[in-house]
Amino acid sequence: MLPYLQIGPWEVSTYRLLYAIAIFAGGVYAYRRLPQAAHKASLRYGILVAIFGLFLGLILPSLFTNAILWLKGLPPVPTTTGRVYYAVALGLAAAAIYARIVGGPLLIHIDRALPALALGYAIGRLGCLAAGCCGGIETEAALGVYLPDSHGHWHARYPTQIMSGLFQLLVLAGLLALERWPSRPAWLCKPGVLTTAYLLLFCLERFGLDFLREDHYPVWGALGQPQLVTLAGAAAAAAALAWFAARRPRTARPA
C-alpha cells in the first residue's frame, strides 16, 4: 500500500519503520506498567535484552535462509519481513534467561509488562499492511477488502493484517480487564497466568489466520509450518493453564 517513504534522498521501509515504532512503543508501555519498586538498573537492562531478542527473532529467519542459499552458491534473497512468532519466542526467552541470571520475580514482571506486547504487535501489523506482506488470499466474500500483495497486485482479499491487529487490541483489552477483575478466581491471580493466556491466544490467532493468508503453504496435510509451530505452542500453553488451575497453593508444614 505504501511500502516505502521518500524522505529527501533517503528511502525508508515503512515495514521496518512501523516495527521499530511498535517495539519502542511496546517497550515504553511495558516499562511504565512495571511497579515503581522494580524500576532499577538491572530491570532496565532486562527490557533492552528482551527488545534485542525481538529484533533478533525478526531477522533470524531471513539470515538463516540466505545462509543456506550462500552455501549452495545461490544469490541471497532480499527480504523485508520476519516471522513475528519467532520474535515473540526469542524476546521472552531472552528476558527469561536474563532474569534467571540476575534473579528476581520474573513471572510477576512479565505478567505486568506483557500487555505491551499485544500493543506493539497491533502497531506492527500496520507495517505489514503497508508492505503488502502477510496478506490474505483473494476472495469475493463480504470480508474482502481491496488491498495489494507484496508485489503490488491489487485485488479484493482477506484483510489478515487488519484482522490480526484488531485481535491483538481485543487481547490487550481482555488482559487488562482480567488483571483488574476484583473477584477473579484465585488461580487466575498466580504469577505466569496472564503470560500463558496471551501465548495461547497468540498461537490460536496465528493458527487460524494462516488458512486465510496468501503465503499459506501446507507441509503436513492442510497445515503449514507456522501452524505446526503455533499448534504445539497452543497445546503447551493450554496444558500450562490447566496446571495452574489444578495446582493448589502450598500450605505450611506443621512444626
Protein backbone atom coordinates (compact mmCIF):
# COMPACT_ATOMS: atom_id res chain seq x y z
CA MET A 1 0.00 0.00 0.00
CA LEU A 2 2.82 2.36 0.96
CA PRO A 3 5.90 0.13 1.21
CA TYR A 4 8.44 2.98 1.16
CA LEU A 5 8.58 6.58 2.30
CA GLN A 6 10.73 9.03 0.38
CA ILE A 7 12.35 11.49 2.77
CA GLY A 8 14.66 13.72 0.74
CA PRO A 9 17.38 11.46 -0.69
CA TRP A 10 16.51 8.59 1.66
CA GLU A 11 14.06 5.79 1.03
CA VAL A 12 12.65 4.36 4.26
CA SER A 13 10.94 0.98 4.53
CA THR A 14 7.51 1.54 6.07
CA TYR A 15 7.53 -2.03 7.36
CA ARG A 16 10.78 -1.62 9.28
CA LEU A 17 9.83 1.87 10.46
CA LEU A 18 6.50 0.76 11.90
CA TYR A 19 8.00 -2.31 13.54
CA ALA A 20 10.68 -0.11 15.11
CA ILE A 21 7.90 2.18 16.39
CA ALA A 22 6.00 -0.86 17.63
CA ILE A 23 8.96 -2.20 19.60
CA PHE A 24 9.77 1.24 21.01
CA ALA A 25 6.14 1.96 21.99
CA GLY A 26 5.75 -1.51 23.47
CA GLY A 27 8.99 -1.16 25.42
CA VAL A 28 7.96 2.22 26.88
CA TYR A 29 4.50 0.94 27.79
CA ALA A 30 6.00 -2.17 29.39
CA TYR A 31 8.40 -0.07 31.44
CA ARG A 32 5.59 2.22 32.64
CA ARG A 33 3.46 -0.75 33.68
CA LEU A 34 6.16 -2.23 35.89
CA PRO A 35 5.81 -1.45 39.61
CA GLN A 36 7.83 1.52 40.81
CA ALA A 37 9.93 -0.70 43.07
CA ALA A 38 11.05 -2.66 40.00
CA HIS A 39 12.47 0.39 38.22
CA LYS A 40 16.10 -0.32 38.80
CA ALA A 41 19.09 -0.62 36.51
CA SER A 42 19.02 -4.41 36.21
CA LEU A 43 15.38 -4.38 35.07
CA ARG A 44 16.00 -1.61 32.57
CA TYR A 45 18.79 -3.70 31.08
CA GLY A 46 16.39 -6.66 31.05
CA ILE A 47 13.94 -4.71 28.89
CA LEU A 48 16.77 -3.90 26.47
CA VAL A 49 17.70 -7.59 26.37
CA ALA A 50 14.09 -8.52 25.56
CA ILE A 51 13.92 -5.88 22.79
CA PHE A 52 17.17 -7.24 21.34
CA GLY A 53 15.62 -10.72 21.37
CA LEU A 54 12.59 -9.39 19.47
CA PHE A 55 14.78 -7.80 16.79
CA LEU A 56 16.86 -10.96 16.54
CA GLY A 57 13.75 -13.09 16.11
CA LEU A 58 12.56 -10.85 13.27
CA ILE A 59 15.76 -11.12 11.24
CA LEU A 60 16.95 -14.66 12.03
CA PRO A 61 14.65 -16.45 9.52
CA SER A 62 15.90 -14.36 6.59
CA LEU A 63 19.52 -14.69 7.75
CA PHE A 64 19.14 -18.46 8.01
CA THR A 65 17.55 -18.65 4.55
CA ASN A 66 20.29 -16.56 2.95
CA ALA A 67 22.99 -18.59 4.71
CA ILE A 68 21.61 -21.76 3.12
CA LEU A 69 21.45 -20.06 -0.29
CA TRP A 70 25.04 -18.87 0.13
CA LEU A 71 26.22 -22.39 0.96
CA LYS A 72 24.51 -23.63 -2.19
CA GLY A 73 26.20 -20.94 -4.27
CA LEU A 74 22.91 -19.13 -4.96
CA PRO A 75 22.36 -15.35 -4.69
CA PRO A 76 20.76 -14.09 -1.47
CA VAL A 77 17.08 -13.19 -1.43
CA PRO A 78 16.28 -9.63 -0.28
CA THR A 79 13.68 -9.88 2.48
CA THR A 80 11.76 -7.16 4.29
CA THR A 81 9.61 -9.28 6.58
CA GLY A 82 10.13 -11.53 9.55
CA ARG A 83 8.28 -14.17 11.50
CA VAL A 84 6.63 -12.49 14.47
CA TYR A 85 6.20 -15.71 16.43
CA TYR A 86 9.98 -16.22 16.34
CA ALA A 87 10.39 -12.66 17.61
CA VAL A 88 7.94 -13.26 20.47
CA ALA A 89 9.61 -16.54 21.41
CA LEU A 90 13.14 -15.13 21.36
CA GLY A 91 12.12 -11.95 23.18
CA LEU A 92 10.53 -13.91 26.03
CA ALA A 93 13.40 -16.41 26.08
CA ALA A 94 15.98 -13.61 26.30
CA ALA A 95 14.05 -12.00 29.16
CA ALA A 96 13.76 -15.33 30.98
CA ILE A 97 17.49 -16.09 30.66
CA TYR A 98 18.41 -12.59 31.84
CA ALA A 99 16.04 -12.78 34.82
CA ARG A 100 17.43 -16.20 35.75
CA ILE A 101 20.94 -14.72 35.76
CA VAL A 102 20.17 -11.61 37.84
CA GLY A 103 17.35 -13.15 39.90
CA GLY A 104 14.02 -11.56 40.79
CA PRO A 105 10.27 -12.22 40.44
CA LEU A 106 10.34 -12.98 36.73
CA LEU A 107 6.75 -14.11 36.14
CA ILE A 108 5.23 -11.19 38.04
CA HIS A 109 7.16 -8.66 35.97
CA ILE A 110 6.39 -10.43 32.69
CA ASP A 111 2.68 -10.51 33.55
CA ARG A 112 2.79 -6.77 34.16
CA ALA A 113 4.73 -5.99 31.00
CA LEU A 114 3.13 -8.47 28.59
CA PRO A 115 0.08 -6.41 27.51
CA ALA A 116 2.61 -4.10 25.86
CA LEU A 117 3.48 -6.97 23.52
CA ALA A 118 -0.09 -7.05 22.23
CA LEU A 119 0.02 -3.28 21.69
CA GLY A 120 3.32 -3.48 19.81
CA TYR A 121 2.09 -6.36 17.68
CA ALA A 122 -1.04 -4.41 16.68
CA ILE A 123 1.11 -1.44 15.61
CA GLY A 124 3.50 -3.73 13.74
CA ARG A 125 0.66 -5.16 11.67
CA LEU A 126 0.22 -1.70 10.15
CA GLY A 127 3.71 -2.19 8.74
CA CYS A 128 2.62 -5.48 7.21
CA LEU A 129 -0.41 -3.76 5.72
CA ALA A 130 1.76 -1.02 4.21
CA ALA A 131 4.23 -3.52 2.75
CA GLY A 132 1.51 -5.86 1.47
CA CYS A 133 3.07 -8.83 3.27
CA CYS A 134 1.18 -11.34 5.43
CA GLY A 135 -1.88 -10.55 3.33
CA GLY A 136 -4.89 -12.70 2.67
CA ILE A 137 -5.92 -14.80 -0.29
CA GLU A 138 -8.13 -13.29 -2.97
CA THR A 139 -11.82 -13.57 -2.17
CA GLU A 140 -15.24 -12.35 -3.25
CA ALA A 141 -16.61 -12.75 0.28
CA ALA A 142 -18.11 -9.83 2.19
CA LEU A 143 -14.96 -9.65 4.31
CA GLY A 144 -12.84 -8.92 1.25
CA VAL A 145 -11.00 -5.59 1.15
CA TYR A 146 -9.30 -4.15 -1.93
CA LEU A 147 -5.62 -4.42 -0.98
CA PRO A 148 -2.26 -5.08 -2.67
CA ASP A 149 0.01 -8.04 -2.09
CA SER A 150 3.76 -7.75 -1.58
CA HIS A 151 4.21 -7.49 -5.38
CA GLY A 152 1.80 -4.57 -5.71
CA HIS A 153 -1.04 -6.59 -7.26
CA TRP A 154 -4.36 -5.16 -6.08
CA HIS A 155 -7.39 -7.38 -5.53
CA ALA A 156 -10.18 -7.99 -3.06
CA ARG A 157 -8.59 -10.20 -0.40
CA TYR A 158 -8.99 -11.13 3.24
CA PRO A 159 -7.51 -8.26 5.33
CA THR A 160 -5.49 -10.60 7.54
CA GLN A 161 -3.16 -7.82 8.74
CA ILE A 162 -6.13 -5.75 9.95
CA MET A 163 -7.79 -8.81 11.46
CA SER A 164 -4.62 -9.69 13.33
CA GLY A 165 -4.12 -6.14 14.63
CA LEU A 166 -7.72 -5.88 15.83
CA PHE A 167 -7.45 -9.27 17.51
CA GLN A 168 -4.35 -8.12 19.37
CA LEU A 169 -6.15 -4.98 20.57
CA LEU A 170 -9.00 -7.18 21.85
CA VAL A 171 -6.44 -9.37 23.61
CA LEU A 172 -4.87 -6.27 25.15
CA ALA A 173 -8.27 -5.13 26.44
CA GLY A 174 -9.02 -8.64 27.73
CA LEU A 175 -5.71 -8.93 29.59
CA LEU A 176 -6.21 -5.54 31.24
CA ALA A 177 -9.79 -6.45 32.21
CA LEU A 178 -8.67 -9.79 33.63
CA GLU A 179 -5.89 -8.11 35.56
CA ARG A 180 -8.34 -5.65 37.13
CA TRP A 181 -11.16 -8.15 37.77
CA PRO A 182 -11.53 -7.93 41.57
CA SER A 183 -13.38 -11.21 42.07
CA ARG A 184 -11.42 -13.43 39.67
CA PRO A 185 -10.67 -16.97 40.85
CA ALA A 186 -7.53 -17.38 42.93
CA TRP A 187 -5.72 -19.44 40.29
CA LEU A 188 -6.03 -16.59 37.78
CA CYS A 189 -4.00 -14.43 40.17
CA LYS A 190 -0.98 -16.74 40.08
CA PRO A 191 2.22 -15.36 38.51
CA GLY A 192 2.56 -16.51 34.92
CA VAL A 193 -1.16 -16.98 34.16
CA LEU A 194 -1.54 -13.78 32.12
CA THR A 195 1.60 -14.59 30.15
CA THR A 196 0.41 -18.11 29.44
CA ALA A 197 -3.06 -16.88 28.44
CA TYR A 198 -1.52 -14.46 25.97
CA LEU A 199 0.66 -17.16 24.43
CA LEU A 200 -2.41 -19.37 23.99
CA LEU A 201 -4.40 -16.61 22.28
CA PHE A 202 -1.40 -15.58 20.16
CA CYS A 203 -0.92 -19.14 18.89
CA LEU A 204 -4.64 -19.65 18.20
CA GLU A 205 -4.80 -16.41 16.22
CA ARG A 206 -1.77 -17.30 14.08
CA PHE A 207 -3.04 -20.84 13.56
CA GLY A 208 -6.49 -19.71 12.37
CA LEU A 209 -5.44 -16.77 10.21
CA ASP A 210 -2.85 -18.85 8.37
CA PHE A 211 -5.66 -20.57 6.46
CA LEU A 212 -6.64 -17.16 5.03
CA ARG A 213 -3.12 -15.92 4.26
CA GLU A 214 -1.69 -15.79 0.77
CA ASP A 215 1.62 -17.27 1.93
CA HIS A 216 -0.05 -20.36 3.41
CA TYR A 217 1.93 -23.37 2.24
CA PRO A 218 0.84 -26.80 3.55
CA VAL A 219 3.68 -29.07 4.62
CA TRP A 220 1.71 -31.68 6.57
CA GLY A 221 -1.82 -32.30 5.40
CA ALA A 222 -3.57 -28.93 5.29
CA LEU A 223 -1.24 -27.39 7.89
CA GLY A 224 1.66 -25.08 7.15
CA GLN A 225 4.90 -24.75 9.09
CA PRO A 226 3.67 -21.75 11.17
CA GLN A 227 0.55 -23.71 12.09
CA LEU A 228 2.56 -26.69 13.30
CA VAL A 229 4.69 -24.38 15.46
CA THR A 230 1.75 -22.45 16.89
CA LEU A 231 -0.33 -25.60 17.37
CA ALA A 232 2.42 -27.01 19.57
CA GLY A 233 2.64 -23.67 21.39
CA ALA A 234 -1.12 -23.57 21.96
CA ALA A 235 -1.12 -27.13 23.33
CA ALA A 236 1.74 -26.27 25.71
CA ALA A 237 0.02 -23.06 26.86
CA ALA A 238 -3.33 -24.85 27.39
CA ALA A 239 -1.58 -27.56 29.42
CA ALA A 240 0.15 -24.88 31.50
CA LEU A 241 -3.17 -23.14 32.21
CA ALA A 242 -4.70 -26.45 33.25
CA TRP A 243 -1.72 -26.98 35.57
CA PHE A 244 -2.19 -23.52 37.07
CA ALA A 245 -5.88 -24.23 37.67
CA ALA A 246 -5.29 -27.66 39.21
CA ARG A 247 -2.31 -26.74 41.35
CA ARG A 248 -3.25 -25.96 44.92
CA PRO A 249 -1.35 -23.35 46.91
CA ARG A 250 1.30 -24.69 49.22
CA THR A 251 0.49 -24.89 52.90
CA ALA A 252 2.98 -24.58 55.67
CA ARG A 253 4.07 -27.82 57.25
CA PRO A 254 3.21 -28.30 60.92
CA ALA A 255 6.12 -27.77 63.27
